[in-house]
Amino acid sequence: MGACLSRNNKSNDNNNMREILLYRGEFLGADLRAMFNNPVYSDIIITCKDGGVVYGSKLLLAARSDVFARLILNNEENNNRNNNRESRNTFSSNDNHITFTEFSSSTLLIILEFLYMGDIMIESLTLNNIVEAYLGAEYFLLAGLEEIIITFLDNALKCSADNNLAAKLLTQASEFMLPSSDDLFFRTLHNSLVVTPLETIEYHNLTAEGLSFILSPTNMDTTYEEFVTPEYGVFRYIVLWAAHHCNNNNLVVSYFEPLLPPSDHAEHLDANEIEQLRKSHEKNKKKSKSKDVYKILQYKYPIHKFRGLE
């Protein structure tokens, strides 16, 4: 899936510098790191959806983020708005407290780390928090942090031996955002998935929205990577995927799988094998429940219209 690359880790240089510069005031980065999430240097408490709390400086956050500025400096106006992007959060000037119901404390720590330091420790990002971290970067309009996250994502996809990783992240991200080729996070996932044979992706790791996004002709026209799964392989995957999502694995095994051999086998079928498949189809059709087969065909239709498989 490509070479494994590493991001230039400025945070390692900062760590080394902090070991040398031991006294306050000698290095701004070290002083800001000491202030980060430190109650001693904070005058605002942020409560997150997981109940965790994060500490920050109101002036620093307002100076570094338009979103925090609107929350902190114009809190009365924001509290009266019902439709702006901050309206789902609450702010009180009496107790210096903000509550975010969308993000966990680990995500807010990443946001504040970037606002304090202009970068983040590479260890702050994991495959478990990368989706919410990206949502947070978008929410707080932090293009620099988005770039860091996309670089981390791209490297992780290239380095991972798990062909299902991009599909899992696509499914997770789709719970919060509508998949779009205009979004760099989804574009990065898409470019990884189109070079991954569909047959290697487990059916439960893709939702209908995710599979539609991968196969969308709009995305195919704009992608920078060549789609590696042949048309027959796409058709086979869609049918078996639909059968799997109809919660009838017995039907997958007994009816569809014998009729749809893998692509590398299907390319070399001779006349006798094709005739055997036809006889198997006739035999299994009598045993299978026609309503189950019809249900799968209905389930499949919204997907197979992509890539010209009507």
C-alpha atoms as a PDB file:
ATOM      1  CA  MET A   1       0.000   0.000   0.000  1.00  0.00           C
ATOM      2  CA  GLY A   2       3.004   2.282  -0.517  1.00  0.00           C
ATOM      3  CA  ALA A   3       6.005   3.359   1.438  1.00  0.00           C
ATOM      4  CA  CYS A   4       5.821   3.995   5.158  1.00  0.00           C
ATOM      5  CA  LEU A   5       6.707   7.611   5.823  1.00  0.00           C
ATOM      6  CA  SER A   6       7.226   9.554   9.039  1.00  0.00           C
ATOM      7  CA  ARG A   7       6.150  13.079   9.920  1.00  0.00           C
ATOM      8  CA  ASN A   8       8.883  15.452  10.981  1.00  0.00           C
ATOM      9  CA  ASN A   9       8.405  15.301  14.737  1.00  0.00           C
ATOM     10  CA  LYS A  10       9.029  18.770  16.127  1.00  0.00           C
ATOM     11  CA  SER A  11       7.862  17.601  19.548  1.00  0.00           C
ATOM     12  CA  ASN A  12      10.980  15.425  19.954  1.00  0.00           C
ATOM     13  CA  ASP A  13      13.149  18.533  19.448  1.00  0.00           C
ATOM     14  CA  ASN A  14      11.059  20.339  22.055  1.00  0.00           C
ATOM     15  CA  ASN A  15      11.547  17.467  24.500  1.00  0.00           C
ATOM     16  CA  ASN A  16      15.312  17.648  24.062  1.00  0.00           C
ATOM     17  CA  MET A  17      15.258  21.414  24.436  1.00  0.00           C
ATOM     18  CA  ARG A  18      13.276  21.191  27.679  1.00  0.00           C
ATOM     19  CA  GLU A  19      15.876  18.847  29.102  1.00  0.00           C
ATOM     20  CA  ILE A  20      18.559  21.474  28.443  1.00  0.00           C
ATOM     21  CA  LEU A  21      16.642  24.608  29.377  1.00  0.00           C
ATOM     22  CA  LEU A  22      15.640  23.943  32.944  1.00  0.00           C
ATOM     23  CA  TYR A  23      14.714  27.460  34.025  1.00  0.00           C
ATOM     24  CA  ARG A  24      11.479  29.317  33.429  1.00  0.00           C
ATOM     25  CA  GLY A  25      11.685  32.094  30.860  1.00  0.00           C
ATOM     26  CA  GLU A  26      14.520  30.635  28.799  1.00  0.00           C
ATOM     27  CA  PHE A  27      12.377  28.931  26.165  1.00  0.00           C
ATOM     28  CA  LEU A  28       8.857  30.008  25.262  1.00  0.00           C
ATOM     29  CA  GLY A  29       7.865  26.552  24.023  1.00  0.00           C
ATOM     30  CA  ALA A  30       8.880  24.973  27.325  1.00  0.00           C
ATOM     31  CA  ASP A  31       6.954  27.594  29.292  1.00  0.00           C
ATOM     32  CA  LEU A  32       3.839  27.107  27.196  1.00  0.00           C
ATOM     33  CA  ARG A  33       4.163  23.352  27.591  1.00  0.00           C
ATOM     34  CA  ALA A  34       4.306  23.860  31.362  1.00  0.00           C
ATOM     35  CA  MET A  35       1.115  25.945  31.184  1.00  0.00           C
ATOM     36  CA  PHE A  36      -0.726  23.402  29.045  1.00  0.00           C
ATOM     37  CA  ASN A  37      -3.602  21.745  30.975  1.00  0.00           C
ATOM     38  CA  ASN A  38      -2.141  23.050  34.226  1.00  0.00           C
ATOM     39  CA  PRO A  39      -4.723  24.303  36.776  1.00  0.00           C
ATOM     40  CA  VAL A  40      -2.128  26.669  38.261  1.00  0.00           C
ATOM     41  CA  TYR A  41      -1.934  28.691  35.053  1.00  0.00           C
ATOM     42  CA  SER A  42      -5.572  28.323  34.040  1.00  0.00           C
ATOM     43  CA  ASP A  43      -8.730  30.348  34.587  1.00  0.00           C
ATOM     44  CA  ILE A  44     -11.226  28.234  32.679  1.00  0.00           C
ATOM     45  CA  ILE A  45     -12.435  24.657  33.068  1.00  0.00           C
ATOM     46  CA  ILE A  46     -13.688  22.650  30.090  1.00  0.00           C
ATOM     47  CA  THR A  47     -15.899  19.639  30.800  1.00  0.00           C
ATOM     48  CA  CYS A  48     -16.165  17.032  28.038  1.00  0.00           C
ATOM     49  CA  LYS A  49     -18.702  14.399  27.043  1.00  0.00           C
ATOM     50  CA  ASP A  50     -16.830  11.659  28.918  1.00  0.00           C
ATOM     51  CA  GLY A  51     -16.902  13.666  32.153  1.00  0.00           C
ATOM     52  CA  GLY A  52     -13.214  14.513  31.955  1.00  0.00           C
ATOM     53  CA  VAL A  53     -12.031  18.083  32.505  1.00  0.00           C
ATOM     54  CA  VAL A  54      -9.385  20.112  30.694  1.00  0.00           C
ATOM     55  CA  TYR A  55      -7.836  23.352  31.961  1.00  0.00           C
ATOM     56  CA  GLY A  56      -7.026  26.405  29.863  1.00  0.00           C
ATOM     57  CA  SER A  57      -6.204  30.083  29.791  1.00  0.00           C
ATOM     58  CA  LYS A  58      -9.070  32.216  28.504  1.00  0.00           C
ATOM     59  CA  LEU A  59      -6.850  34.877  26.963  1.00  0.00           C
ATOM     60  CA  LEU A  60      -4.573  32.384  25.248  1.00  0.00           C
ATOM     61  CA  LEU A  61      -7.440  30.318  23.858  1.00  0.00           C
ATOM     62  CA  ALA A  62      -9.325  33.410  22.682  1.00  0.00           C
ATOM     63  CA  ALA A  63      -6.198  34.815  21.028  1.00  0.00           C
ATOM     64  CA  ARG A  64      -5.435  31.538  19.252  1.00  0.00           C
ATOM     65  CA  SER A  65      -8.932  30.444  18.191  1.00  0.00           C
ATOM     66  CA  ASP A  66     -11.859  32.334  16.678  1.00  0.00           C
ATOM     67  CA  VAL A  67     -14.220  29.697  18.046  1.00  0.00           C
ATOM     68  CA  PHE A  68     -12.938  30.084  21.611  1.00  0.00           C
ATOM     69  CA  ALA A  69     -12.929  33.864  21.172  1.00  0.00           C
ATOM     70  CA  ARG A  70     -16.628  33.823  20.310  1.00  0.00           C
ATOM     71  CA  LEU A  71     -17.335  31.542  23.257  1.00  0.00           C
ATOM     72  CA  ILE A  72     -15.271  33.384  25.827  1.00  0.00           C
ATOM     73  CA  LEU A  73     -15.222  37.055  24.811  1.00  0.00           C
ATOM     74  CA  ASN A  74     -18.757  37.232  23.432  1.00  0.00           C
ATOM     75  CA  ASN A  75     -20.401  34.612  25.643  1.00  0.00           C
ATOM     76  CA  GLU A  76     -23.635  36.522  26.239  1.00  0.00           C
ATOM     77  CA  GLU A  77     -24.275  36.901  22.504  1.00  0.00           C
ATOM     78  CA  ASN A  78     -23.385  33.261  21.872  1.00  0.00           C
ATOM     79  CA  ASN A  79     -25.690  31.978  24.579  1.00  0.00           C
ATOM     80  CA  ASN A  80     -28.617  33.768  22.888  1.00  0.00           C
ATOM     81  CA  ARG A  81     -27.948  32.169  19.500  1.00  0.00           C
ATOM     82  CA  ASN A  82     -29.633  28.917  18.602  1.00  0.00           C
ATOM     83  CA  ASN A  83     -28.180  28.154  15.207  1.00  0.00           C
ATOM     84  CA  ASN A  84     -24.463  28.990  15.303  1.00  0.00           C
ATOM     85  CA  ARG A  85     -21.781  26.296  15.496  1.00  0.00           C
ATOM     86  CA  GLU A  86     -21.173  26.882  19.231  1.00  0.00           C
ATOM     87  CA  SER A  87     -24.847  26.812  20.277  1.00  0.00           C
ATOM     88  CA  ARG A  88     -24.693  23.186  21.384  1.00  0.00           C
ATOM     89  CA  ASN A  89     -22.149  24.140  24.088  1.00  0.00           C
ATOM     90  CA  THR A  90     -22.715  26.215  27.213  1.00  0.00           C
ATOM     91  CA  PHE A  91     -20.614  28.960  28.774  1.00  0.00           C
ATOM     92  CA  SER A  92     -20.967  30.720  32.107  1.00  0.00           C
ATOM     93  CA  SER A  93     -18.873  33.778  32.983  1.00  0.00           C
ATOM     94  CA  ASN A  94     -19.580  33.291  36.664  1.00  0.00           C
ATOM     95  CA  ASP A  95     -17.865  29.957  37.125  1.00  0.00           C
ATOM     96  CA  ASN A  96     -15.507  30.189  34.122  1.00  0.00           C
ATOM     97  CA  HIS A  97     -16.755  26.932  32.753  1.00  0.00           C
ATOM     98  CA  ILE A  98     -17.451  25.525  29.270  1.00  0.00           C
ATOM     99  CA  THR A  99     -19.134  22.227  28.549  1.00  0.00           C
ATOM    100  CA  PHE A 100     -18.580  20.427  25.232  1.00  0.00           C
ATOM    101  CA  THR A 101     -21.014  17.612  24.617  1.00  0.00           C
ATOM    102  CA  GLU A 102     -19.492  16.514  21.289  1.00  0.00           C
ATOM    103  CA  PHE A 103     -15.890  15.775  22.202  1.00  0.00           C
ATOM    104  CA  SER A 104     -14.068  13.604  24.719  1.00  0.00           C
ATOM    105  CA  SER A 105     -11.370  14.983  27.003  1.00  0.00           C
ATOM    106  CA  SER A 106      -8.633  13.266  24.945  1.00  0.00           C
ATOM    107  CA  THR A 107      -9.791  15.193  21.867  1.00  0.00           C
ATOM    108  CA  LEU A 108      -9.927  18.517  23.716  1.00  0.00           C
ATOM    109  CA  LEU A 109      -6.399  17.885  24.979  1.00  0.00           C
ATOM    110  CA  ILE A 110      -5.239  17.527  21.369  1.00  0.00           C
ATOM    111  CA  ILE A 111      -7.038  20.772  20.445  1.00  0.00           C
ATOM    112  CA  LEU A 112      -5.547  22.688  23.362  1.00  0.00           C
ATOM    113  CA  GLU A 113      -2.093  21.196  22.833  1.00  0.00           C
ATOM    114  CA  PHE A 114      -2.116  22.533  19.277  1.00  0.00           C
ATOM    115  CA  LEU A 115      -3.386  25.938  20.406  1.00  0.00           C
ATOM    116  CA  TYR A 116      -0.701  26.193  23.093  1.00  0.00           C
ATOM    117  CA  MET A 117       2.215  24.740  21.134  1.00  0.00           C
ATOM    118  CA  GLY A 118       1.354  25.111  17.437  1.00  0.00           C
ATOM    119  CA  ASP A 119       2.002  21.368  17.106  1.00  0.00           C
ATOM    120  CA  ILE A 120       1.179  18.158  18.958  1.00  0.00           C
ATOM    121  CA  MET A 121       3.143  15.252  20.312  1.00  0.00           C
ATOM    122  CA  ILE A 122       2.942  12.434  17.776  1.00  0.00           C
ATOM    123  CA  GLU A 123       1.845  10.116  20.598  1.00  0.00           C
ATOM    124  CA  SER A 124      -1.290  12.224  21.080  1.00  0.00           C
ATOM    125  CA  LEU A 125      -2.853  10.735  17.938  1.00  0.00           C
ATOM    126  CA  THR A 126      -3.972   7.122  17.743  1.00  0.00           C
ATOM    127  CA  LEU A 127      -6.173   5.156  15.389  1.00  0.00           C
ATOM    128  CA  ASN A 128      -8.764   5.116  18.172  1.00  0.00           C
ATOM    129  CA  ASN A 129      -9.068   8.900  18.435  1.00  0.00           C
ATOM    130  CA  ILE A 130      -8.129  10.095  14.947  1.00  0.00           C
ATOM    131  CA  VAL A 131     -11.735  10.444  13.693  1.00  0.00           C
ATOM    132  CA  GLU A 132     -12.876  12.569  16.625  1.00  0.00           C
ATOM    133  CA  ALA A 133      -9.610  14.521  16.557  1.00  0.00           C
ATOM    134  CA  TYR A 134     -10.269  15.439  12.925  1.00  0.00           C
ATOM    135  CA  LEU A 135     -13.846  16.431  13.764  1.00  0.00           C
ATOM    136  CA  GLY A 136     -12.459  18.623  16.527  1.00  0.00           C
ATOM    137  CA  ALA A 137      -9.923  20.241  14.209  1.00  0.00           C
ATOM    138  CA  GLU A 138     -12.711  21.017  11.730  1.00  0.00           C
ATOM    139  CA  TYR A 139     -14.990  22.344  14.470  1.00  0.00           C
ATOM    140  CA  PHE A 140     -12.328  24.707  15.808  1.00  0.00           C
ATOM    141  CA  LEU A 141     -11.237  25.716  12.278  1.00  0.00           C
ATOM    142  CA  LEU A 142      -7.640  24.582  12.805  1.00  0.00           C
ATOM    143  CA  ALA A 143      -6.305  23.922   9.306  1.00  0.00           C
ATOM    144  CA  GLY A 144      -2.803  23.253  10.618  1.00  0.00           C
ATOM    145  CA  LEU A 145      -4.041  20.532  12.937  1.00  0.00           C
ATOM    146  CA  GLU A 146      -6.135  19.023  10.137  1.00  0.00           C
ATOM    147  CA  GLU A 147      -2.953  18.765   8.048  1.00  0.00           C
ATOM    148  CA  ILE A 148      -1.127  16.987  10.868  1.00  0.00           C
ATOM    149  CA  ILE A 149      -4.000  14.525  11.294  1.00  0.00           C
ATOM    150  CA  ILE A 150      -4.227  13.799   7.547  1.00  0.00           C
ATOM    151  CA  THR A 151      -0.468  13.153   7.429  1.00  0.00           C
ATOM    152  CA  PHE A 152      -0.791  10.766  10.369  1.00  0.00           C
ATOM    153  CA  LEU A 153      -3.754   9.032   8.713  1.00  0.00           C
ATOM    154  CA  ASP A 154      -1.992   8.671   5.366  1.00  0.00           C
ATOM    155  CA  ASN A 155       1.119   7.200   7.011  1.00  0.00           C
ATOM    156  CA  ALA A 156      -0.963   4.829   9.145  1.00  0.00           C
ATOM    157  CA  LEU A 157      -2.823   3.509   6.103  1.00  0.00           C
ATOM    158  CA  LYS A 158       0.418   2.998   4.177  1.00  0.00           C
ATOM    159  CA  CYS A 159       2.144   1.270   7.090  1.00  0.00           C
ATOM    160  CA  SER A 160      -0.732  -0.924   8.260  1.00  0.00           C
ATOM    161  CA  ALA A 161      -0.948  -4.572   7.241  1.00  0.00           C
ATOM    162  CA  ASP A 162      -4.684  -4.483   7.986  1.00  0.00           C
ATOM    163  CA  ASN A 163      -6.595  -4.171   4.704  1.00  0.00           C
ATOM    164  CA  ASN A 164      -9.731  -3.408   6.736  1.00  0.00           C
ATOM    165  CA  LEU A 165      -8.314  -0.339   8.494  1.00  0.00           C
ATOM    166  CA  ALA A 166      -9.535   2.243   5.972  1.00  0.00           C
ATOM    167  CA  ALA A 167     -12.979   0.589   5.834  1.00  0.00           C
ATOM    168  CA  LYS A 168     -13.271   0.625   9.630  1.00  0.00           C
ATOM    169  CA  LEU A 169     -12.317   4.312   9.809  1.00  0.00           C
ATOM    170  CA  LEU A 170     -14.707   5.140   6.957  1.00  0.00           C
ATOM    171  CA  THR A 171     -17.567   3.453   8.803  1.00  0.00           C
ATOM    172  CA  GLN A 172     -16.662   5.232  12.036  1.00  0.00           C
ATOM    173  CA  ALA A 173     -16.360   8.648  10.387  1.00  0.00           C
ATOM    174  CA  SER A 174     -19.627   8.156   8.499  1.00  0.00           C
ATOM    175  CA  GLU A 175     -21.468   8.080  11.829  1.00  0.00           C
ATOM    176  CA  PHE A 176     -20.610  11.759  12.281  1.00  0.00           C
ATOM    177  CA  MET A 177     -20.106  13.130   8.757  1.00  0.00           C
ATOM    178  CA  LEU A 178     -21.646  12.443   5.374  1.00  0.00           C
ATOM    179  CA  PRO A 179     -18.896  10.912   3.192  1.00  0.00           C
ATOM    180  CA  SER A 180     -17.770  13.471   0.632  1.00  0.00           C
ATOM    181  CA  SER A 181     -14.979  13.548  -1.918  1.00  0.00           C
ATOM    182  CA  ASP A 182     -14.503  17.224  -1.020  1.00  0.00           C
ATOM    183  CA  ASP A 183     -13.398  16.318   2.505  1.00  0.00           C
ATOM    184  CA  LEU A 184      -9.687  15.496   2.741  1.00  0.00           C
ATOM    185  CA  PHE A 185     -10.209  12.882   5.459  1.00  0.00           C
ATOM    186  CA  PHE A 186     -12.660  10.925   3.303  1.00  0.00           C
ATOM    187  CA  ARG A 187     -10.537  11.471   0.196  1.00  0.00           C
ATOM    188  CA  THR A 188      -7.544   9.929   1.974  1.00  0.00           C
ATOM    189  CA  LEU A 189      -9.619   6.919   3.012  1.00  0.00           C
ATOM    190  CA  HIS A 190     -11.048   6.603  -0.497  1.00  0.00           C
ATOM    191  CA  ASN A 191      -7.619   6.623  -2.135  1.00  0.00           C
ATOM    192  CA  SER A 192      -6.561   3.813   0.190  1.00  0.00           C
ATOM    193  CA  LEU A 193      -9.695   1.759  -0.420  1.00  0.00           C
ATOM    194  CA  VAL A 194      -9.615   1.901  -4.213  1.00  0.00           C
ATOM    195  CA  VAL A 195      -6.182   0.224  -4.223  1.00  0.00           C
ATOM    196  CA  THR A 196      -7.383  -2.441  -1.774  1.00  0.00           C
ATOM    197  CA  PRO A 197      -9.078  -5.508  -3.341  1.00  0.00           C
ATOM    198  CA  LEU A 198     -12.688  -5.460  -2.154  1.00  0.00           C
ATOM    199  CA  GLU A 199     -12.630  -9.197  -1.493  1.00  0.00           C
ATOM    200  CA  THR A 200     -10.107  -8.618   1.315  1.00  0.00           C
ATOM    201  CA  ILE A 201     -12.505  -6.320   3.210  1.00  0.00           C
ATOM    202  CA  GLU A 202     -14.812  -8.088   5.645  1.00  0.00           C
ATOM    203  CA  TYR A 203     -18.460  -7.386   4.905  1.00  0.00           C
ATOM    204  CA  HIS A 204     -19.337  -6.095   8.382  1.00  0.00           C
ATOM    205  CA  ASN A 205     -16.685  -3.361   8.129  1.00  0.00           C
ATOM    206  CA  LEU A 206     -18.573  -1.454   5.409  1.00  0.00           C
ATOM    207  CA  THR A 207     -21.987   0.178   5.679  1.00  0.00           C
ATOM    208  CA  ALA A 208     -24.199   0.942   2.687  1.00  0.00           C
ATOM    209  CA  GLU A 209     -23.083   4.577   2.845  1.00  0.00           C
ATOM    210  CA  GLY A 210     -19.431   3.575   2.909  1.00  0.00           C
ATOM    211  CA  LEU A 211     -19.709   1.130   0.025  1.00  0.00           C
ATOM    212  CA  SER A 212     -21.690   3.656  -2.020  1.00  0.00           C
ATOM    213  CA  PHE A 213     -18.983   6.244  -1.375  1.00  0.00           C
ATOM    214  CA  ILE A 214     -16.238   3.890  -2.601  1.00  0.00           C
ATOM    215  CA  LEU A 215     -18.139   2.958  -5.763  1.00  0.00           C
ATOM    216  CA  SER A 216     -19.552   6.387  -6.584  1.00  0.00           C
ATOM    217  CA  PRO A 217     -18.805   7.291 -10.224  1.00  0.00           C
ATOM    218  CA  THR A 218     -18.197  10.877  -9.113  1.00  0.00           C
ATOM    219  CA  ASN A 219     -15.352   9.728  -6.895  1.00  0.00           C
ATOM    220  CA  MET A 220     -14.072   7.407  -9.600  1.00  0.00           C
ATOM    221  CA  ASP A 221     -13.800  10.355 -11.998  1.00  0.00           C
ATOM    222  CA  THR A 222     -11.750  12.438  -9.572  1.00  0.00           C
ATOM    223  CA  THR A 223      -9.623   9.835  -7.783  1.00  0.00           C
ATOM    224  CA  TYR A 224      -5.862   9.835  -8.200  1.00  0.00           C
ATOM    225  CA  GLU A 225      -5.623   6.075  -7.684  1.00  0.00           C
ATOM    226  CA  GLU A 226      -6.710   3.289 -10.015  1.00  0.00           C
ATOM    227  CA  PHE A 227      -9.550   1.074  -8.797  1.00  0.00           C
ATOM    228  CA  VAL A 228      -7.953  -2.360  -8.539  1.00  0.00           C
ATOM    229  CA  THR A 229     -11.057  -4.542  -8.173  1.00  0.00           C
ATOM    230  CA  PRO A 230     -12.424  -5.678 -11.573  1.00  0.00           C
ATOM    231  CA  GLU A 231     -16.103  -5.276 -12.449  1.00  0.00           C
ATOM    232  CA  TYR A 232     -16.908  -8.915 -11.741  1.00  0.00           C
ATOM    233  CA  GLY A 233     -15.159  -8.643  -8.384  1.00  0.00           C
ATOM    234  CA  VAL A 234     -17.252  -5.571  -7.544  1.00  0.00           C
ATOM    235  CA  PHE A 235     -20.461  -7.367  -8.510  1.00  0.00           C
ATOM    236  CA  ARG A 236     -19.509 -10.463  -6.474  1.00  0.00           C
ATOM    237  CA  TYR A 237     -18.619  -8.377  -3.429  1.00  0.00           C
ATOM    238  CA  ILE A 238     -21.860  -6.379  -3.587  1.00  0.00           C
ATOM    239  CA  VAL A 239     -24.015  -9.513  -3.739  1.00  0.00           C
ATOM    240  CA  LEU A 240     -22.206 -11.239  -0.876  1.00  0.00           C
ATOM    241  CA  TRP A 241     -22.085  -7.998   1.124  1.00  0.00           C
ATOM    242  CA  ALA A 242     -25.858  -7.588   0.717  1.00  0.00           C
ATOM    243  CA  ALA A 243     -26.451 -11.205   1.733  1.00  0.00           C
ATOM    244  CA  HIS A 244     -24.293 -10.736   4.809  1.00  0.00           C
ATOM    245  CA  HIS A 245     -26.190  -7.610   5.837  1.00  0.00           C
ATOM    246  CA  CYS A 246     -29.478  -9.455   5.478  1.00  0.00           C
ATOM    247  CA  ASN A 247     -28.324 -11.547   8.448  1.00  0.00           C
ATOM    248  CA  ASN A 248     -28.552 -14.829   6.586  1.00  0.00           C
ATOM    249  CA  ASN A 249     -25.068 -16.314   6.410  1.00  0.00           C
ATOM    250  CA  ASN A 250     -26.488 -19.714   5.501  1.00  0.00           C
ATOM    251  CA  LEU A 251     -27.896 -18.175   2.338  1.00  0.00           C
ATOM    252  CA  VAL A 252     -24.488 -16.671   1.527  1.00  0.00           C
ATOM    253  CA  VAL A 253     -22.774 -20.044   1.805  1.00  0.00           C
ATOM    254  CA  SER A 254     -25.421 -22.288   0.273  1.00  0.00           C
ATOM    255  CA  TYR A 255     -26.754 -20.113  -2.537  1.00  0.00           C
ATOM    256  CA  PHE A 256     -24.538 -17.228  -3.624  1.00  0.00           C
ATOM    257  CA  GLU A 257     -20.953 -18.260  -2.888  1.00  0.00           C
ATOM    258  CA  PRO A 258     -21.046 -21.436  -5.047  1.00  0.00           C
ATOM    259  CA  LEU A 259     -22.405 -19.367  -7.930  1.00  0.00           C
ATOM    260  CA  LEU A 260     -19.852 -16.572  -7.589  1.00  0.00           C
ATOM    261  CA  PRO A 261     -16.302 -17.938  -7.495  1.00  0.00           C
ATOM    262  CA  PRO A 262     -13.474 -15.497  -6.692  1.00  0.00           C
ATOM    263  CA  SER A 263     -12.221 -13.334  -9.552  1.00  0.00           C
ATOM    264  CA  ASP A 264      -8.980 -15.231 -10.128  1.00  0.00           C
ATOM    265  CA  HIS A 265     -10.955 -18.481 -10.457  1.00  0.00           C
ATOM    266  CA  ALA A 266     -13.794 -17.022 -12.530  1.00  0.00           C
ATOM    267  CA  GLU A 267     -11.357 -15.815 -15.190  1.00  0.00           C
ATOM    268  CA  HIS A 268     -10.328 -19.384 -15.974  1.00  0.00           C
ATOM    269  CA  LEU A 269     -13.656 -21.219 -15.911  1.00  0.00           C
ATOM    270  CA  ASP A 270     -14.089 -23.682 -18.753  1.00  0.00           C
ATOM    271  CA  ALA A 271     -17.369 -24.774 -20.357  1.00  0.00           C
ATOM    272  CA  ASN A 272     -17.790 -27.767 -18.032  1.00  0.00           C
ATOM    273  CA  GLU A 273     -17.337 -25.645 -14.902  1.00  0.00           C
ATOM    274  CA  ILE A 274     -19.800 -23.072 -16.171  1.00  0.00           C
ATOM    275  CA  GLU A 275     -22.345 -25.829 -16.815  1.00  0.00           C
ATOM    276  CA  GLN A 276     -21.767 -27.166 -13.286  1.00  0.00           C
ATOM    277  CA  LEU A 277     -22.435 -23.694 -11.909  1.00  0.00           C
ATOM    278  CA  ARG A 278     -25.666 -23.500 -13.893  1.00  0.00           C
ATOM    279  CA  LYS A 279     -26.820 -26.877 -12.533  1.00  0.00           C
ATOM    280  CA  SER A 280     -25.840 -25.831  -9.010  1.00  0.00           C
ATOM    281  CA  HIS A 281     -27.896 -22.686  -9.415  1.00  0.00           C
ATOM    282  CA  GLU A 282     -30.964 -24.661 -10.507  1.00  0.00           C
ATOM    283  CA  LYS A 283     -30.521 -27.088  -7.627  1.00  0.00           C
ATOM    284  CA  ASN A 284     -30.006 -24.433  -4.953  1.00  0.00           C
ATOM    285  CA  LYS A 285     -32.800 -22.259  -6.295  1.00  0.00           C
ATOM    286  CA  LYS A 286     -35.309 -24.977  -5.458  1.00  0.00           C
ATOM    287  CA  LYS A 287     -33.963 -25.329  -1.920  1.00  0.00           C
ATOM    288  CA  SER A 288     -33.568 -21.647  -1.126  1.00  0.00           C
ATOM    289  CA  LYS A 289     -36.370 -19.457   0.050  1.00  0.00           C
ATOM    290  CA  SER A 290     -37.218 -17.200  -2.851  1.00  0.00           C
ATOM    291  CA  LYS A 291     -38.242 -14.363  -0.540  1.00  0.00           C
ATOM    292  CA  ASP A 292     -34.768 -14.334   1.017  1.00  0.00           C
ATOM    293  CA  VAL A 293     -33.115 -14.115  -2.403  1.00  0.00           C
ATOM    294  CA  TYR A 294     -35.517 -11.354  -3.434  1.00  0.00           C
ATOM    295  CA  LYS A 295     -34.773  -9.495  -0.213  1.00  0.00           C
ATOM    296  CA  ILE A 296     -31.060  -9.562  -0.976  1.00  0.00           C
ATOM    297  CA  LEU A 297     -31.614  -8.323  -4.520  1.00  0.00           C
ATOM    298  CA  GLN A 298     -33.664  -5.433  -3.124  1.00  0.00           C
ATOM    299  CA  TYR A 299     -30.976  -4.673  -0.560  1.00  0.00           C
ATOM    300  CA  LYS A 300     -28.328  -4.757  -3.258  1.00  0.00           C
ATOM    301  CA  TYR A 301     -30.051  -2.475  -5.749  1.00  0.00           C
ATOM    302  CA  PRO A 302     -29.200   0.920  -4.201  1.00  0.00           C
ATOM    303  CA  ILE A 303     -25.519  -0.119  -4.304  1.00  0.00           C
ATOM    304  CA  HIS A 304     -25.162  -1.880  -7.641  1.00  0.00           C
ATOM    305  CA  LYS A 305     -26.453   1.099  -9.607  1.00  0.00           C
ATOM    306  CA  PHE A 306     -23.038   2.666  -9.034  1.00  0.00           C
ATOM    307  CA  ARG A 307     -20.267   1.688 -11.486  1.00  0.00           C
ATOM    308  CA  GLY A 308     -22.826   0.629 -14.111  1.00  0.00           C
ATOM    309  CA  LEU A 309     -23.910  -2.694 -12.643  1.00  0.00           C
ATOM    310  CA  GLU A 310     -27.681  -2.416 -13.257  1.00  0.00           C
END
